[in-house]
């Protein structure tokens, strides 16, 4: 009886306990796991990638409560986030972008939170590759005086799709190839370099007895790139100009004379050749390099009106020597003319040469009469005229 009474005394306590338990919320349908899928695992750095996240509760059913997710990576930078309300779907999508990264195998992770529960998922083996290359040196302003052997480097950086420099990379992942294509002739000169971990590359070149203009193109290879990755310096314009250190001009003669029945004089075959700083003749020009010749008088003033023929010529491939076989001279005579040759801003003057008339004529004023004056032993013949003539009897009007 006492036992029964004792149990009855505990009944109110049991009822109170059960009532308290009923008021404690049970976490039914909480966020138990997430999965991460990517639209691509091999993409250009700096380009958009779609991330799809699937949410599951403790019973592996689709989790539909409000959730927010962020993204991270173990290499480089990443942007993007996702959030959703209780819309009845257990999936959510986000546009993410891996930036300034060139890496063949890294991990993208997501961390999702719902009602105080946080779960993570990741995808490994991601490959983000450069979108393009940019040349920082040489630039279009560089002009160098060629020596016998001139060395320089094409330097630059790998870029992502946003045009930002790659700063998270792998030293041995890719190979940069720089090709120098000589303008208007000449096969490309090609060398390579492996970019460092900051995406910097430096491709060395050496030119021997060269002059002319080059366009630089860049390409990237390695690690099964799914698309071509290329680049140029300054938008593909002519970026490297190698000019002669000096030039030497020569004439076949220093003394010319109008021939009979000729109003012009052939100047033979004047020539000019370009030299390096050691005085060696440059041997590798091309048709993009032109030389212009002009005529100077003793005063240094131009006398181009007397010079006829082809005054501008292009160099042939494989030579930096140029001749001007069709130059003629007319309407002038004198003892101190020079030819001036100009190539890529460098000038060379020939030795002075003389142009003699074919003949001269003497003429006094018709009907002129002269008489010695008182006390004078000489007469001034002020009206006597001497004229220089070419081979056709034409008066040379520009004699110096």
Foldseek 3Di string as FASTA:
>chain_A
DVVVVVVVVCVVVVVVVVVVVVPDDDPPLAFDEKEKDKPDLAEAAFDKIKIKMFTAGPVRDQRQAWKKKDKDWPFADKDKIWIDHNPVGRMTMMIMGGHLAAEQWIKMKMWMDGPHDIYMYMDIRGGHHFQAWEWPPDFQVDEEAFAQKDKAKGKTFGHTPVRDGRQAYAQPAKKKKKWKDFPADDGIDIFIFGAHRRGMTITMDMDGLAFGWTWMKMWMDGDPRVDTYIYGYPRRDTTYGYDHPAKEKEFPDQEAEFDAPDQKTFRAKIKMFGHGPVRHTRFAFDQRKKKFKFKAFPVRDGDRVQKDDDGMGGDHGGGRMDIGRGIMGGLEWEFFMWMWMAIPRHIYIYHGHGYAAPDKDKDFDPPDDWDADPPDPDTDRPRIDMFGAHNNRDGRDHYD
